[in-house]
Amino acid sequence: MIQLLYFASLRDRLGVDREEMALPEGVAEIAALRRHLADRGGPWSEVFAEGETILAAVNQEMAQDDTPVRDGDEVGFFPPVTGG
């Protein structure tokens, strides 16, 4: 199982702030997890559409598309943050 966390506007757009799911077969890195989530359709396909800028963290460490995802991981998704 992996824990998925959705922050800020992603939480609002998806209507959920967290979920637990079995690591899908064939999903071994962040890019594949994004595609899997986009395949859910509806707001998921919009939020995780290719080309959308969504940041990810695995076990509270910033992650890239090729960062591995393993059973037991916590994966957070959040929009880019700007400040001033």
N, C-alpha and C. Protein backbone atom coordinates (compact mmCIF):
# COMPACT_ATOMS: atom_id res chain seq x y z
N MET A 1 0.84 -1.18 0.00
CA MET A 1 0.00 0.00 0.00
C MET A 1 0.89 1.24 0.00
N ILE A 2 0.41 2.29 -0.66
CA ILE A 2 1.06 3.58 -0.60
C ILE A 2 0.03 4.60 -0.10
N GLN A 3 0.53 5.63 0.53
CA GLN A 3 -0.30 6.73 0.99
C GLN A 3 -0.14 7.88 -0.01
N LEU A 4 -1.25 8.40 -0.49
CA LEU A 4 -1.22 9.55 -1.40
C LEU A 4 -1.81 10.75 -0.68
N LEU A 5 -1.12 11.87 -0.75
CA LEU A 5 -1.57 13.11 -0.12
C LEU A 5 -1.69 14.17 -1.21
N TYR A 6 -2.77 14.94 -1.16
CA TYR A 6 -3.02 16.00 -2.14
C TYR A 6 -3.15 17.32 -1.38
N PHE A 7 -2.39 18.32 -1.79
CA PHE A 7 -2.32 19.58 -1.07
C PHE A 7 -2.88 20.75 -1.88
N ALA A 8 -3.30 21.77 -1.13
CA ALA A 8 -3.71 23.07 -1.67
C ALA A 8 -4.79 22.91 -2.74
N SER A 9 -4.61 23.53 -3.89
CA SER A 9 -5.65 23.52 -4.93
C SER A 9 -5.91 22.12 -5.47
N LEU A 10 -4.94 21.22 -5.39
CA LEU A 10 -5.18 19.84 -5.85
C LEU A 10 -6.24 19.18 -4.97
N ARG A 11 -6.15 19.40 -3.68
CA ARG A 11 -7.14 18.86 -2.74
C ARG A 11 -8.54 19.37 -3.10
N ASP A 12 -8.62 20.66 -3.41
CA ASP A 12 -9.92 21.25 -3.76
C ASP A 12 -10.45 20.70 -5.08
N ARG A 13 -9.59 20.59 -6.06
CA ARG A 13 -10.03 20.12 -7.38
C ARG A 13 -10.42 18.65 -7.39
N LEU A 14 -9.72 17.84 -6.58
CA LEU A 14 -9.99 16.41 -6.56
C LEU A 14 -11.05 16.02 -5.53
N GLY A 15 -11.28 16.90 -4.56
CA GLY A 15 -12.27 16.61 -3.53
C GLY A 15 -11.81 15.60 -2.50
N VAL A 16 -10.52 15.39 -2.39
CA VAL A 16 -9.96 14.44 -1.43
C VAL A 16 -8.58 14.96 -1.02
N ASP A 17 -8.23 14.76 0.25
CA ASP A 17 -6.91 15.22 0.69
C ASP A 17 -5.91 14.09 0.87
N ARG A 18 -6.42 12.85 0.96
CA ARG A 18 -5.52 11.70 1.11
C ARG A 18 -6.25 10.42 0.74
N GLU A 19 -5.48 9.42 0.40
CA GLU A 19 -6.04 8.09 0.15
C GLU A 19 -4.93 7.07 0.28
N GLU A 20 -5.34 5.85 0.47
CA GLU A 20 -4.42 4.73 0.51
C GLU A 20 -4.77 3.82 -0.65
N MET A 21 -3.76 3.34 -1.34
CA MET A 21 -4.03 2.44 -2.47
C MET A 21 -2.92 1.41 -2.59
N ALA A 22 -3.29 0.28 -3.12
CA ALA A 22 -2.28 -0.72 -3.45
C ALA A 22 -1.44 -0.17 -4.60
N LEU A 23 -0.15 -0.37 -4.51
CA LEU A 23 0.72 0.09 -5.59
C LEU A 23 0.33 -0.65 -6.86
N PRO A 24 -0.16 0.09 -7.87
CA PRO A 24 -0.63 -0.57 -9.09
C PRO A 24 0.50 -1.32 -9.81
N GLU A 25 0.15 -2.43 -10.41
CA GLU A 25 1.12 -3.20 -11.18
C GLU A 25 1.69 -2.33 -12.29
N GLY A 26 2.99 -2.37 -12.48
CA GLY A 26 3.65 -1.60 -13.52
C GLY A 26 3.99 -0.17 -13.12
N VAL A 27 3.60 0.24 -11.92
CA VAL A 27 3.93 1.58 -11.44
C VAL A 27 5.15 1.47 -10.53
N ALA A 28 6.27 2.00 -11.01
CA ALA A 28 7.52 1.90 -10.25
C ALA A 28 8.17 3.27 -10.03
N GLU A 29 7.60 4.31 -10.65
CA GLU A 29 8.17 5.65 -10.47
C GLU A 29 7.05 6.68 -10.56
N ILE A 30 7.37 7.90 -10.18
CA ILE A 30 6.39 8.99 -10.11
C ILE A 30 5.67 9.19 -11.44
N ALA A 31 6.37 9.18 -12.55
CA ALA A 31 5.73 9.42 -13.85
C ALA A 31 4.62 8.39 -14.12
N ALA A 32 4.89 7.13 -13.81
CA ALA A 32 3.88 6.08 -14.03
C ALA A 32 2.71 6.26 -13.07
N LEU A 33 2.98 6.71 -11.85
CA LEU A 33 1.89 6.95 -10.90
C LEU A 33 1.02 8.10 -11.38
N ARG A 34 1.61 9.16 -11.90
CA ARG A 34 0.84 10.27 -12.47
C ARG A 34 -0.08 9.78 -13.59
N ARG A 35 0.46 8.96 -14.48
CA ARG A 35 -0.35 8.43 -15.60
C ARG A 35 -1.49 7.57 -15.07
N HIS A 36 -1.20 6.76 -14.08
CA HIS A 36 -2.24 5.91 -13.48
C HIS A 36 -3.36 6.77 -12.89
N LEU A 37 -3.01 7.83 -12.19
CA LEU A 37 -4.02 8.71 -11.60
C LEU A 37 -4.80 9.45 -12.68
N ALA A 38 -4.13 9.89 -13.73
CA ALA A 38 -4.82 10.58 -14.83
C ALA A 38 -5.83 9.66 -15.50
N ASP A 39 -5.52 8.38 -15.56
CA ASP A 39 -6.42 7.41 -16.20
C ASP A 39 -7.74 7.22 -15.45
N ARG A 40 -7.85 7.76 -14.26
CA ARG A 40 -9.10 7.68 -13.52
C ARG A 40 -10.21 8.50 -14.19
N GLY A 41 -9.82 9.46 -15.00
CA GLY A 41 -10.79 10.31 -15.69
C GLY A 41 -11.26 11.47 -14.81
N GLY A 42 -12.24 12.20 -15.31
CA GLY A 42 -12.79 13.34 -14.58
C GLY A 42 -11.73 14.33 -14.17
N PRO A 43 -11.83 14.88 -12.96
CA PRO A 43 -10.85 15.88 -12.53
C PRO A 43 -9.44 15.31 -12.44
N TRP A 44 -9.34 13.99 -12.25
CA TRP A 44 -8.02 13.35 -12.18
C TRP A 44 -7.27 13.53 -13.49
N SER A 45 -7.97 13.37 -14.61
CA SER A 45 -7.30 13.50 -15.91
C SER A 45 -6.88 14.94 -16.17
N GLU A 46 -7.58 15.90 -15.58
CA GLU A 46 -7.19 17.31 -15.73
C GLU A 46 -6.00 17.64 -14.85
N VAL A 47 -6.08 17.27 -13.59
CA VAL A 47 -5.01 17.60 -12.63
C VAL A 47 -3.70 16.94 -13.05
N PHE A 48 -3.76 15.68 -13.47
CA PHE A 48 -2.55 14.94 -13.79
C PHE A 48 -2.29 14.83 -15.30
N ALA A 49 -2.89 15.73 -16.08
CA ALA A 49 -2.67 15.73 -17.53
C ALA A 49 -1.20 15.98 -17.84
N GLU A 50 -0.75 15.36 -18.91
CA GLU A 50 0.63 15.57 -19.35
C GLU A 50 0.84 17.05 -19.62
N GLY A 51 1.92 17.59 -19.12
CA GLY A 51 2.22 19.00 -19.31
C GLY A 51 1.80 19.88 -18.15
N GLU A 52 0.93 19.35 -17.26
CA GLU A 52 0.55 20.10 -16.06
C GLU A 52 1.73 20.09 -15.09
N THR A 53 1.99 21.21 -14.45
CA THR A 53 3.07 21.28 -13.48
C THR A 53 2.53 20.94 -12.10
N ILE A 54 2.83 19.74 -11.66
CA ILE A 54 2.46 19.26 -10.35
C ILE A 54 3.75 18.74 -9.71
N LEU A 55 4.05 19.24 -8.53
CA LEU A 55 5.25 18.79 -7.82
C LEU A 55 4.92 17.55 -7.01
N ALA A 56 5.93 16.75 -6.75
CA ALA A 56 5.74 15.52 -6.00
C ALA A 56 6.85 15.38 -4.95
N ALA A 57 6.51 14.67 -3.89
CA ALA A 57 7.48 14.31 -2.86
C ALA A 57 7.24 12.86 -2.49
N VAL A 58 8.30 12.12 -2.28
CA VAL A 58 8.22 10.75 -1.82
C VAL A 58 8.87 10.71 -0.45
N ASN A 59 8.09 10.30 0.53
CA ASN A 59 8.56 10.26 1.92
C ASN A 59 9.16 11.59 2.35
N GLN A 60 8.46 12.67 1.96
CA GLN A 60 8.77 14.04 2.32
C GLN A 60 10.07 14.56 1.73
N GLU A 61 10.53 13.93 0.64
CA GLU A 61 11.70 14.40 -0.12
C GLU A 61 11.23 14.74 -1.52
N MET A 62 11.62 15.90 -2.03
CA MET A 62 11.22 16.30 -3.38
C MET A 62 11.58 15.19 -4.37
N ALA A 63 10.67 14.96 -5.31
CA ALA A 63 10.82 13.85 -6.26
C ALA A 63 10.73 14.35 -7.70
N GLN A 64 11.35 13.62 -8.58
CA GLN A 64 11.30 13.86 -10.02
C GLN A 64 10.48 12.73 -10.65
N ASP A 65 10.20 12.85 -11.95
CA ASP A 65 9.42 11.82 -12.63
C ASP A 65 10.04 10.42 -12.52
N ASP A 66 11.38 10.35 -12.46
CA ASP A 66 12.03 9.04 -12.41
C ASP A 66 12.30 8.55 -10.98
N THR A 67 11.80 9.27 -9.97
CA THR A 67 11.97 8.83 -8.59
C THR A 67 11.16 7.55 -8.35
N PRO A 68 11.80 6.53 -7.79
CA PRO A 68 11.08 5.28 -7.53
C PRO A 68 9.96 5.44 -6.51
N VAL A 69 8.92 4.65 -6.69
CA VAL A 69 7.82 4.55 -5.74
C VAL A 69 7.73 3.08 -5.34
N ARG A 70 7.75 2.85 -4.02
CA ARG A 70 7.73 1.48 -3.52
C ARG A 70 6.59 1.30 -2.52
N ASP A 71 6.21 0.06 -2.33
CA ASP A 71 5.20 -0.27 -1.34
C ASP A 71 5.60 0.33 0.00
N GLY A 72 4.66 0.97 0.68
CA GLY A 72 4.93 1.59 1.97
C GLY A 72 5.28 3.06 1.90
N ASP A 73 5.49 3.59 0.69
CA ASP A 73 5.87 5.00 0.54
C ASP A 73 4.68 5.93 0.77
N GLU A 74 5.01 7.15 1.16
CA GLU A 74 4.05 8.25 1.21
C GLU A 74 4.39 9.17 0.05
N VAL A 75 3.42 9.44 -0.81
CA VAL A 75 3.63 10.30 -1.97
C VAL A 75 2.71 11.50 -1.86
N GLY A 76 3.29 12.68 -1.87
CA GLY A 76 2.51 13.91 -1.82
C GLY A 76 2.56 14.62 -3.15
N PHE A 77 1.44 15.18 -3.57
CA PHE A 77 1.36 15.98 -4.79
C PHE A 77 0.88 17.37 -4.41
N PHE A 78 1.48 18.39 -5.01
CA PHE A 78 1.09 19.76 -4.71
C PHE A 78 1.41 20.67 -5.89
N PRO A 79 0.69 21.77 -5.98
CA PRO A 79 0.94 22.71 -7.09
C PRO A 79 2.24 23.48 -6.83
N PRO A 80 2.80 24.07 -7.89
CA PRO A 80 3.99 24.89 -7.68
C PRO A 80 3.65 26.04 -6.72
N VAL A 81 4.64 26.44 -5.96
CA VAL A 81 4.42 27.49 -4.97
C VAL A 81 5.25 28.70 -5.37
N THR A 82 4.61 29.85 -5.27
CA THR A 82 5.36 31.09 -5.50
C THR A 82 5.25 31.93 -4.25
N GLY A 83 6.18 32.78 -4.07
CA GLY A 83 6.15 33.61 -2.87
C GLY A 83 6.76 34.96 -3.16
N GLY A 84 6.65 35.79 -2.21
CA GLY A 84 7.22 37.10 -2.42
C GLY A 84 7.45 37.78 -1.13
